[in-house]
Amino acid sequence: MMRLKQNIVITETGFVFDSDTGDSYSTNPVGLELLEKLKANVDMDEITAQITGRYDVEPLQFQRYFDDFVIMLRHFNLLEDTE
């Protein structure tokens, strides 16, 4: 399982701030929704169900997009593994 680091601040407009490094990022509304779910420790199956229920995307297609999103989050050191 993965989650956002606790020091990550997310605003309702999609501004993301890493208080450890001072780095900031921005994301679109879907990215914001995903970040909020990760910060709340929502389980991957539930994230998939919620997103595919809300948007016109198949579960496998969403999984590919989500995997790419996670790779980007890891690149910027915004995630921590909880296992």
Protein backbone atom coordinates (compact mmCIF):
# COMPACT_ATOMS: atom_id res chain seq x y z
CA MET A 1 0.00 0.00 0.00
CA MET A 2 1.15 3.53 -0.65
CA ARG A 3 0.16 6.93 0.63
CA LEU A 4 1.19 10.53 0.31
CA LYS A 5 3.84 11.68 2.73
CA GLN A 6 2.32 13.48 5.68
CA ASN A 7 4.19 16.70 4.98
CA ILE A 8 2.47 17.14 1.59
CA VAL A 9 -0.05 19.98 1.52
CA ILE A 10 -2.78 19.99 -1.15
CA THR A 11 -5.08 22.93 -1.78
CA GLU A 12 -8.57 22.70 -3.26
CA THR A 13 -7.25 24.28 -6.47
CA GLY A 14 -4.71 21.50 -7.09
CA PHE A 15 -1.61 23.20 -5.71
CA VAL A 16 0.69 20.62 -4.10
CA PHE A 17 3.44 21.70 -1.70
CA ASP A 18 6.20 19.54 -0.20
CA SER A 19 7.10 21.27 3.06
CA ASP A 20 10.29 19.22 3.44
CA THR A 21 11.85 20.39 0.18
CA GLY A 22 9.92 23.57 -0.59
CA ASP A 23 8.97 22.15 -3.99
CA SER A 24 5.54 22.86 -5.38
CA TYR A 25 3.47 21.30 -8.15
CA SER A 26 0.04 21.66 -9.66
CA THR A 27 -2.43 19.08 -10.88
CA ASN A 28 -5.72 18.92 -12.73
CA PRO A 29 -9.03 18.08 -11.00
CA VAL A 30 -8.69 14.31 -11.54
CA GLY A 31 -5.13 14.35 -10.20
CA LEU A 32 -6.36 16.35 -7.22
CA GLU A 33 -9.05 13.76 -6.57
CA LEU A 34 -6.47 10.96 -6.72
CA LEU A 35 -4.10 12.79 -4.38
CA GLU A 36 -6.88 13.36 -1.86
CA LYS A 37 -7.78 9.66 -1.98
CA LEU A 38 -4.15 8.65 -1.47
CA LYS A 39 -3.79 11.09 1.42
CA ALA A 40 -6.92 9.58 3.00
CA ASN A 41 -5.47 6.05 2.58
CA VAL A 42 -8.31 4.92 0.34
CA ASP A 43 -7.72 1.36 -0.88
CA MET A 44 -6.78 0.88 -4.56
CA ASP A 45 -9.89 -1.17 -5.36
CA GLU A 46 -12.07 1.60 -3.93
CA ILE A 47 -10.18 4.29 -5.85
CA THR A 48 -10.69 2.31 -9.07
CA ALA A 49 -14.40 1.80 -8.36
CA GLN A 50 -14.96 5.48 -7.55
CA ILE A 51 -13.06 6.84 -10.56
CA THR A 52 -14.49 4.39 -13.10
CA GLY A 53 -17.96 5.07 -11.70
CA ARG A 54 -17.56 8.82 -12.03
CA TYR A 55 -15.67 9.06 -15.33
CA ASP A 56 -15.91 7.31 -18.68
CA VAL A 57 -12.88 5.07 -18.26
CA GLU A 58 -12.50 1.30 -18.14
CA PRO A 59 -10.79 -0.21 -15.07
CA LEU A 60 -7.76 -1.49 -17.01
CA GLN A 61 -7.32 1.84 -18.78
CA PHE A 62 -7.60 3.67 -15.46
CA GLN A 63 -5.02 1.32 -13.93
CA ARG A 64 -2.50 2.21 -16.65
CA TYR A 65 -3.09 5.94 -16.12
CA PHE A 66 -2.90 5.53 -12.35
CA ASP A 67 0.35 3.55 -12.59
CA ASP A 68 1.87 6.39 -14.65
CA PHE A 69 0.62 8.91 -12.06
CA VAL A 70 2.22 6.89 -9.24
CA ILE A 71 5.51 6.71 -11.14
CA MET A 72 5.48 10.50 -11.36
CA LEU A 73 4.66 10.85 -7.64
CA ARG A 74 7.53 8.50 -6.77
CA HIS A 75 9.88 10.46 -9.05
CA PHE A 76 9.09 13.62 -7.08
CA ASN A 77 9.40 11.69 -3.79
CA LEU A 78 5.84 12.44 -2.69
CA LEU A 79 4.86 8.91 -1.67
CA GLU A 80 5.78 6.61 1.15
CA ASP A 81 5.26 2.88 1.18
CA THR A 82 3.33 1.60 4.16
CA GLU A 83 4.22 -2.08 3.87
